[in-house]
Amino acid sequence: MTVLVRADCRTCDRMALVVRAVCEEAGEDWATVDVDAAGADPELRGEFGDRVPVVLVDGEELASWRVDPDDLRRALA
């Protein structure tokens, strides 16, 4: 699972807290990718940059701006 973020984004920080909690209880790994960072994939920024934060599960968009913990649990099951 991947959370697309950008630096100094409070909404990104809030989403990461939800993702971290759900992933810890599910024993799932997750990572963040800053769409604005040097070396970041320009296609990710082009596709998702205006909707960050975005949660990707198996490369598919699950949520943007906010993620419902129950939706995330179902996606990970």
C-alpha atoms as a PDB file:
ATOM      1  CA  MET A   1       0.000   0.000   0.000  1.00  0.00           C
ATOM      2  CA  THR A   2       1.162   3.495  -0.828  1.00  0.00           C
ATOM      3  CA  VAL A   3       0.058   6.896   0.407  1.00  0.00           C
ATOM      4  CA  LEU A   4       0.837   9.741  -1.973  1.00  0.00           C
ATOM      5  CA  VAL A   5       1.652  12.891  -0.018  1.00  0.00           C
ATOM      6  CA  ARG A   6       3.440  16.200  -0.182  1.00  0.00           C
ATOM      7  CA  ALA A   7       5.561  17.985   2.379  1.00  0.00           C
ATOM      8  CA  ASP A   8       3.884  20.240   4.954  1.00  0.00           C
ATOM      9  CA  CYS A   9       0.412  18.862   4.201  1.00  0.00           C
ATOM     10  CA  ARG A  10      -1.715  18.517   7.326  1.00  0.00           C
ATOM     11  CA  THR A  11      -4.341  16.528   5.457  1.00  0.00           C
ATOM     12  CA  CYS A  12      -1.603  14.110   4.398  1.00  0.00           C
ATOM     13  CA  ASP A  13      -0.488  13.788   8.010  1.00  0.00           C
ATOM     14  CA  ARG A  14      -4.042  13.000   9.171  1.00  0.00           C
ATOM     15  CA  MET A  15      -4.497  10.381   6.468  1.00  0.00           C
ATOM     16  CA  ALA A  16      -1.158   8.785   7.348  1.00  0.00           C
ATOM     17  CA  LEU A  17      -2.297   8.406  10.965  1.00  0.00           C
ATOM     18  CA  VAL A  18      -5.374   6.438   9.865  1.00  0.00           C
ATOM     19  CA  VAL A  19      -3.360   4.314   7.443  1.00  0.00           C
ATOM     20  CA  ARG A  20      -0.697   3.610  10.060  1.00  0.00           C
ATOM     21  CA  ALA A  21      -3.269   2.473  12.629  1.00  0.00           C
ATOM     22  CA  VAL A  22      -5.151   0.198  10.227  1.00  0.00           C
ATOM     23  CA  CYS A  23      -1.972  -1.272   8.753  1.00  0.00           C
ATOM     24  CA  GLU A  24      -0.548  -1.971  12.216  1.00  0.00           C
ATOM     25  CA  GLU A  25      -3.655  -3.889  13.252  1.00  0.00           C
ATOM     26  CA  ALA A  26      -3.711  -5.757   9.927  1.00  0.00           C
ATOM     27  CA  GLY A  27       0.047  -6.458   9.903  1.00  0.00           C
ATOM     28  CA  GLU A  28       0.394  -4.734   6.524  1.00  0.00           C
ATOM     29  CA  ASP A  29       3.349  -2.738   5.251  1.00  0.00           C
ATOM     30  CA  TRP A  30       2.833   0.692   3.760  1.00  0.00           C
ATOM     31  CA  ALA A  31       4.927   3.544   2.427  1.00  0.00           C
ATOM     32  CA  THR A  32       4.577   7.193   1.572  1.00  0.00           C
ATOM     33  CA  VAL A  33       5.659   8.797  -1.677  1.00  0.00           C
ATOM     34  CA  ASP A  34       6.054  12.565  -1.874  1.00  0.00           C
ATOM     35  CA  VAL A  35       4.761  13.495  -5.338  1.00  0.00           C
ATOM     36  CA  ASP A  36       6.787  16.727  -5.284  1.00  0.00           C
ATOM     37  CA  ALA A  37      10.126  15.240  -4.201  1.00  0.00           C
ATOM     38  CA  ALA A  38      13.119  15.270  -6.496  1.00  0.00           C
ATOM     39  CA  GLY A  39      13.162  12.039  -8.426  1.00  0.00           C
ATOM     40  CA  ALA A  40       9.440  11.390  -7.901  1.00  0.00           C
ATOM     41  CA  ASP A  41       7.547   9.787 -10.756  1.00  0.00           C
ATOM     42  CA  PRO A  42       6.142  12.673 -12.854  1.00  0.00           C
ATOM     43  CA  GLU A  43       3.241  10.464 -13.926  1.00  0.00           C
ATOM     44  CA  LEU A  44       2.111  10.112 -10.299  1.00  0.00           C
ATOM     45  CA  ARG A  45       2.223  13.866  -9.827  1.00  0.00           C
ATOM     46  CA  GLY A  46       0.375  14.430 -13.083  1.00  0.00           C
ATOM     47  CA  GLU A  47      -2.361  11.936 -12.282  1.00  0.00           C
ATOM     48  CA  PHE A  48      -2.791  12.438  -8.547  1.00  0.00           C
ATOM     49  CA  GLY A  49      -1.058  15.722  -7.672  1.00  0.00           C
ATOM     50  CA  ASP A  50      -4.229  17.788  -7.371  1.00  0.00           C
ATOM     51  CA  ARG A  51      -5.911  15.182  -5.129  1.00  0.00           C
ATOM     52  CA  VAL A  52      -3.102  14.423  -2.688  1.00  0.00           C
ATOM     53  CA  PRO A  53      -3.230  12.711  -0.252  1.00  0.00           C
ATOM     54  CA  VAL A  54      -4.207   9.541  -2.080  1.00  0.00           C
ATOM     55  CA  VAL A  55      -4.236   5.949  -0.838  1.00  0.00           C
ATOM     56  CA  LEU A  56      -3.257   3.310  -3.403  1.00  0.00           C
ATOM     57  CA  VAL A  57      -3.899  -0.344  -2.654  1.00  0.00           C
ATOM     58  CA  ASP A  58      -2.247  -2.687  -5.147  1.00  0.00           C
ATOM     59  CA  GLY A  59      -1.724   0.323  -7.411  1.00  0.00           C
ATOM     60  CA  GLU A  60      -5.417   1.236  -7.475  1.00  0.00           C
ATOM     61  CA  GLU A  61      -6.813   4.400  -5.924  1.00  0.00           C
ATOM     62  CA  LEU A  62      -8.871   3.682  -2.823  1.00  0.00           C
ATOM     63  CA  ALA A  63      -9.312   7.182  -1.433  1.00  0.00           C
ATOM     64  CA  SER A  64      -8.234  10.780  -1.741  1.00  0.00           C
ATOM     65  CA  TRP A  65      -8.333  13.543   0.887  1.00  0.00           C
ATOM     66  CA  ARG A  66      -9.767  11.169   3.549  1.00  0.00           C
ATOM     67  CA  VAL A  67      -9.804   7.431   4.011  1.00  0.00           C
ATOM     68  CA  ASP A  68     -12.463   5.560   5.930  1.00  0.00           C
ATOM     69  CA  PRO A  69     -10.789   3.010   8.224  1.00  0.00           C
ATOM     70  CA  ASP A  70     -13.431   0.365   7.465  1.00  0.00           C
ATOM     71  CA  ASP A  71     -13.005   0.821   3.703  1.00  0.00           C
ATOM     72  CA  LEU A  72      -9.265   0.426   4.150  1.00  0.00           C
ATOM     73  CA  ARG A  73      -9.702  -2.731   6.260  1.00  0.00           C
ATOM     74  CA  ARG A  74     -11.925  -4.248   3.558  1.00  0.00           C
ATOM     75  CA  ALA A  75      -9.431  -3.368   0.831  1.00  0.00           C
ATOM     76  CA  LEU A  76      -6.634  -5.054   2.779  1.00  0.00           C
ATOM     77  CA  ALA A  77      -8.613  -8.215   3.532  1.00  0.00           C
END
